[in-house]
Amino acid sequence: MPQLDPAPWFLVLVFSWLVFLTMIPSKVLAHNFPNEPASHTKQKPQTEPWNWPWH
């Protein structure tokens, strides 16, 4: 059964992990966010209870 022979698939696994461990982390770490999060004020907005007509 050729699918149980690990020889060709092991090299594919090793090379794919080499690509993942060398190229991908540098691309992810170099990512920058275009929009910086705005600082919010600590004051809560004034809310009023709803005036329900059936109460």
PDB file of N, CA and C in Angstrom:
ATOM      1  N   MET A   1       0.849  -1.179   0.000  1.00  0.00           N
ATOM      2  CA  MET A   1       0.000   0.000   0.000  1.00  0.00           C
ATOM      3  C   MET A   1       0.894   1.242   0.000  1.00  0.00           C
ATOM      4  N   PRO A   2       0.894   1.995  -1.074  1.00  0.00           N
ATOM      5  CA  PRO A   2       1.831   3.117  -1.192  1.00  0.00           C
ATOM      6  C   PRO A   2       1.503   4.291  -0.265  1.00  0.00           C
ATOM      7  N   GLN A   3       0.266   4.454   0.159  1.00  0.00           N
ATOM      8  CA  GLN A   3      -0.044   5.584   1.019  1.00  0.00           C
ATOM      9  C   GLN A   3       0.533   5.414   2.422  1.00  0.00           C
ATOM     10  N   LEU A   4       0.935   4.206   2.788  1.00  0.00           N
ATOM     11  CA  LEU A   4       1.533   3.986   4.092  1.00  0.00           C
ATOM     12  C   LEU A   4       3.047   4.145   4.063  1.00  0.00           C
ATOM     13  N   ASP A   5       3.608   4.376   2.899  1.00  0.00           N
ATOM     14  CA  ASP A   5       5.043   4.597   2.784  1.00  0.00           C
ATOM     15  C   ASP A   5       5.338   6.061   3.137  1.00  0.00           C
ATOM     16  N   PRO A   6       6.022   6.315   4.260  1.00  0.00           N
ATOM     17  CA  PRO A   6       6.216   7.701   4.694  1.00  0.00           C
ATOM     18  C   PRO A   6       7.331   8.445   3.966  1.00  0.00           C
ATOM     19  N   ALA A   7       8.075   7.777   3.116  1.00  0.00           N
ATOM     20  CA  ALA A   7       9.241   8.414   2.515  1.00  0.00           C
ATOM     21  C   ALA A   7       8.905   9.669   1.701  1.00  0.00           C
ATOM     22  N   PRO A   8       7.980   9.659   0.756  1.00  0.00           N
ATOM     23  CA  PRO A   8       7.744  10.901   0.007  1.00  0.00           C
ATOM     24  C   PRO A   8       6.990  11.954   0.825  1.00  0.00           C
ATOM     25  N   TRP A   9       6.130  11.523   1.716  1.00  0.00           N
ATOM     26  CA  TRP A   9       5.301  12.469   2.459  1.00  0.00           C
ATOM     27  C   TRP A   9       6.061  13.128   3.587  1.00  0.00           C
ATOM     28  N   PHE A  10       7.063  12.458   4.102  1.00  0.00           N
ATOM     29  CA  PHE A  10       7.844  13.054   5.180  1.00  0.00           C
ATOM     30  C   PHE A  10       8.633  14.259   4.668  1.00  0.00           C
ATOM     31  N   LEU A  11       9.185  14.165   3.470  1.00  0.00           N
ATOM     32  CA  LEU A  11       9.892  15.308   2.892  1.00  0.00           C
ATOM     33  C   LEU A  11       8.947  16.472   2.611  1.00  0.00           C
ATOM     34  N   VAL A  12       7.757  16.180   2.168  1.00  0.00           N
ATOM     35  CA  VAL A  12       6.770  17.234   1.955  1.00  0.00           C
ATOM     36  C   VAL A  12       6.442  17.904   3.279  1.00  0.00           C
ATOM     37  N   LEU A  13       6.270  17.135   4.315  1.00  0.00           N
ATOM     38  CA  LEU A  13       5.983  17.678   5.639  1.00  0.00           C
ATOM     39  C   LEU A  13       7.128  18.548   6.141  1.00  0.00           C
ATOM     40  N   VAL A  14       8.354  18.082   6.000  1.00  0.00           N
ATOM     41  CA  VAL A  14       9.508  18.837   6.484  1.00  0.00           C
ATOM     42  C   VAL A  14       9.664  20.141   5.708  1.00  0.00           C
ATOM     43  N   PHE A  15       9.548  20.101   4.397  1.00  0.00           N
ATOM     44  CA  PHE A  15       9.711  21.318   3.612  1.00  0.00           C
ATOM     45  C   PHE A  15       8.583  22.321   3.851  1.00  0.00           C
ATOM     46  N   SER A  16       7.383  21.823   4.028  1.00  0.00           N
ATOM     47  CA  SER A  16       6.286  22.758   4.298  1.00  0.00           C
ATOM     48  C   SER A  16       6.463  23.422   5.663  1.00  0.00           C
ATOM     49  N   TRP A  17       6.941  22.669   6.661  1.00  0.00           N
ATOM     50  CA  TRP A  17       7.179  23.296   7.966  1.00  0.00           C
ATOM     51  C   TRP A  17       8.365  24.247   7.930  1.00  0.00           C
ATOM     52  N   LEU A  18       9.352  23.961   7.115  1.00  0.00           N
ATOM     53  CA  LEU A  18      10.451  24.915   6.961  1.00  0.00           C
ATOM     54  C   LEU A  18       9.953  26.230   6.364  1.00  0.00           C
ATOM     55  N   VAL A  19       9.052  26.148   5.411  1.00  0.00           N
ATOM     56  CA  VAL A  19       8.478  27.361   4.836  1.00  0.00           C
ATOM     57  C   VAL A  19       7.670  28.098   5.894  1.00  0.00           C
ATOM     58  N   PHE A  20       6.860  27.374   6.636  1.00  0.00           N
ATOM     59  CA  PHE A  20       6.031  28.009   7.662  1.00  0.00           C
ATOM     60  C   PHE A  20       6.869  28.661   8.744  1.00  0.00           C
ATOM     61  N   LEU A  21       7.943  28.027   9.140  1.00  0.00           N
ATOM     62  CA  LEU A  21       8.733  28.547  10.256  1.00  0.00           C
ATOM     63  C   LEU A  21       9.730  29.619   9.846  1.00  0.00           C
ATOM     64  N   THR A  22      10.007  29.767   8.563  1.00  0.00           N
ATOM     65  CA  THR A  22      10.962  30.792   8.146  1.00  0.00           C
ATOM     66  C   THR A  22      10.291  32.003   7.505  1.00  0.00           C
ATOM     67  N   MET A  23       9.318  31.795   6.658  1.00  0.00           N
ATOM     68  CA  MET A  23       8.726  32.914   5.926  1.00  0.00           C
ATOM     69  C   MET A  23       7.521  33.521   6.630  1.00  0.00           C
ATOM     70  N   ILE A  24       6.635  32.722   7.086  1.00  0.00           N
ATOM     71  CA  ILE A  24       5.355  33.220   7.595  1.00  0.00           C
ATOM     72  C   ILE A  24       5.520  34.071   8.860  1.00  0.00           C
ATOM     73  N   PRO A  25       6.300  33.679   9.889  1.00  0.00           N
ATOM     74  CA  PRO A  25       6.382  34.540  11.085  1.00  0.00           C
ATOM     75  C   PRO A  25       6.938  35.924  10.802  1.00  0.00           C
ATOM     76  N   SER A  26       7.880  36.042   9.902  1.00  0.00           N
ATOM     77  CA  SER A  26       8.406  37.374   9.597  1.00  0.00           C
ATOM     78  C   SER A  26       7.345  38.239   8.926  1.00  0.00           C
ATOM     79  N   LYS A  27       6.510  37.638   8.091  1.00  0.00           N
ATOM     80  CA  LYS A  27       5.443  38.401   7.448  1.00  0.00           C
ATOM     81  C   LYS A  27       4.376  38.805   8.460  1.00  0.00           C
ATOM     82  N   VAL A  28       4.080  37.936   9.393  1.00  0.00           N
ATOM     83  CA  VAL A  28       3.053  38.247  10.390  1.00  0.00           C
ATOM     84  C   VAL A  28       3.559  39.314  11.348  1.00  0.00           C
ATOM     85  N   LEU A  29       4.802  39.209  11.776  1.00  0.00           N
ATOM     86  CA  LEU A  29       5.340  40.182  12.716  1.00  0.00           C
ATOM     87  C   LEU A  29       5.572  41.548  12.068  1.00  0.00           C
ATOM     88  N   ALA A  30       5.723  41.599  10.767  1.00  0.00           N
ATOM     89  CA  ALA A  30       5.922  42.865  10.081  1.00  0.00           C
ATOM     90  C   ALA A  30       4.604  43.576   9.788  1.00  0.00           C
ATOM     91  N   HIS A  31       3.489  42.936  10.088  1.00  0.00           N
ATOM     92  CA  HIS A  31       2.187  43.540   9.808  1.00  0.00           C
ATOM     93  C   HIS A  31       1.940  44.709  10.750  1.00  0.00           C
ATOM     94  N   ASN A  32       1.450  45.802  10.187  1.00  0.00           N
ATOM     95  CA  ASN A  32       1.081  46.952  11.024  1.00  0.00           C
ATOM     96  C   ASN A  32      -0.374  47.307  10.757  1.00  0.00           C
ATOM     97  N   PHE A  33      -1.015  47.858  11.754  1.00  0.00           N
ATOM     98  CA  PHE A  33      -2.421  48.192  11.647  1.00  0.00           C
ATOM     99  C   PHE A  33      -2.553  49.614  11.113  1.00  0.00           C
ATOM    100  N   PRO A  34      -3.343  49.836  10.082  1.00  0.00           N
ATOM    101  CA  PRO A  34      -3.445  51.178   9.513  1.00  0.00           C
ATOM    102  C   PRO A  34      -4.191  52.168  10.409  1.00  0.00           C
ATOM    103  N   ASN A  35      -5.092  51.684  11.225  1.00  0.00           N
ATOM    104  CA  ASN A  35      -5.878  52.565  12.087  1.00  0.00           C
ATOM    105  C   ASN A  35      -5.540  52.281  13.539  1.00  0.00           C
ATOM    106  N   GLU A  36      -4.964  53.254  14.204  1.00  0.00           N
ATOM    107  CA  GLU A  36      -4.683  53.102  15.621  1.00  0.00           C
ATOM    108  C   GLU A  36      -5.987  53.261  16.403  1.00  0.00           C
ATOM    109  N   PRO A  37      -6.181  52.466  17.443  1.00  0.00           N
ATOM    110  CA  PRO A  37      -7.423  52.605  18.208  1.00  0.00           C
ATOM    111  C   PRO A  37      -7.469  53.947  18.939  1.00  0.00           C
ATOM    112  N   ALA A  38      -8.613  54.578  18.891  1.00  0.00           N
ATOM    113  CA  ALA A  38      -8.780  55.884  19.523  1.00  0.00           C
ATOM    114  C   ALA A  38      -8.990  55.700  21.025  1.00  0.00           C
ATOM    115  N   SER A  39      -8.487  56.634  21.802  1.00  0.00           N
ATOM    116  CA  SER A  39      -8.691  56.548  23.245  1.00  0.00           C
ATOM    117  C   SER A  39     -10.096  57.048  23.562  1.00  0.00           C
ATOM    118  N   HIS A  40     -10.777  56.288  24.378  1.00  0.00           N
ATOM    119  CA  HIS A  40     -12.142  56.644  24.752  1.00  0.00           C
ATOM    120  C   HIS A  40     -12.128  57.406  26.069  1.00  0.00           C
ATOM    121  N   THR A  41     -13.101  58.261  26.234  1.00  0.00           N
ATOM    122  CA  THR A  41     -13.206  58.994  27.490  1.00  0.00           C
ATOM    123  C   THR A  41     -13.768  58.063  28.558  1.00  0.00           C
ATOM    124  N   LYS A  42     -13.454  58.346  29.786  1.00  0.00           N
ATOM    125  CA  LYS A  42     -13.912  57.500  30.876  1.00  0.00           C
ATOM    126  C   LYS A  42     -15.316  57.882  31.335  1.00  0.00           C
ATOM    127  N   GLN A  43     -15.849  58.990  30.814  1.00  0.00           N
ATOM    128  CA  GLN A  43     -17.173  59.431  31.221  1.00  0.00           C
ATOM    129  C   GLN A  43     -18.238  58.615  30.488  1.00  0.00           C
ATOM    130  N   LYS A  44     -19.197  58.095  31.246  1.00  0.00           N
ATOM    131  CA  LYS A  44     -20.273  57.318  30.643  1.00  0.00           C
ATOM    132  C   LYS A  44     -21.345  58.268  30.102  1.00  0.00           C
ATOM    133  N   PRO A  45     -21.986  57.905  29.022  1.00  0.00           N
ATOM    134  CA  PRO A  45     -23.045  58.772  28.499  1.00  0.00           C
ATOM    135  C   PRO A  45     -24.254  58.764  29.440  1.00  0.00           C
ATOM    136  N   GLN A  46     -24.942  59.887  29.483  1.00  0.00           N
ATOM    137  CA  GLN A  46     -26.132  59.992  30.324  1.00  0.00           C
ATOM    138  C   GLN A  46     -27.283  59.263  29.641  1.00  0.00           C
ATOM    139  N   THR A  47     -27.849  58.318  30.347  1.00  0.00           N
ATOM    140  CA  THR A  47     -28.974  57.559  29.802  1.00  0.00           C
ATOM    141  C   THR A  47     -30.197  57.819  30.654  1.00  0.00           C
ATOM    142  N   GLU A  48     -31.339  57.795  30.016  1.00  0.00           N
ATOM    143  CA  GLU A  48     -32.599  57.976  30.719  1.00  0.00           C
ATOM    144  C   GLU A  48     -33.445  56.733  30.517  1.00  0.00           C
ATOM    145  N   PRO A  49     -34.269  56.380  31.519  1.00  0.00           N
ATOM    146  CA  PRO A  49     -35.127  55.194  31.335  1.00  0.00           C
ATOM    147  C   PRO A  49     -36.200  55.476  30.282  1.00  0.00           C
ATOM    148  N   TRP A  50     -36.625  54.421  29.637  1.00  0.00           N
ATOM    149  CA  TRP A  50     -37.650  54.572  28.610  1.00  0.00           C
ATOM    150  C   TRP A  50     -39.001  54.815  29.266  1.00  0.00           C
ATOM    151  N   ASN A  51     -39.772  55.648  28.656  1.00  0.00           N
ATOM    152  CA  ASN A  51     -41.103  55.952  29.155  1.00  0.00           C
ATOM    153  C   ASN A  51     -42.096  55.043  28.434  1.00  0.00           C
ATOM    154  N   TRP A  52     -42.384  53.897  29.054  1.00  0.00           N
ATOM    155  CA  TRP A  52     -43.294  52.937  28.413  1.00  0.00           C
ATOM    156  C   TRP A  52     -44.725  53.352  28.677  1.00  0.00           C
ATOM    157  N   PRO A  53     -45.559  53.397  27.646  1.00  0.00           N
ATOM    158  CA  PRO A  53     -46.937  53.873  27.838  1.00  0.00           C
ATOM    159  C   PRO A  53     -47.816  52.921  28.648  1.00  0.00           C
ATOM    160  N   TRP A  54     -47.483  51.640  28.772  1.00  0.00           N
ATOM    161  CA  TRP A  54     -48.370  50.703  29.480  1.00  0.00           C
ATOM    162  C   TRP A  54     -48.015  50.575  30.953  1.00  0.00           C
ATOM    163  N   HIS A  55     -47.085  51.352  31.460  1.00  0.00           N
ATOM    164  CA  HIS A  55     -46.773  51.289  32.898  1.00  0.00           C
ATOM    165  C   HIS A  55     -47.537  52.308  33.640  1.00  0.00           C
TER     166      HIS A  55
END
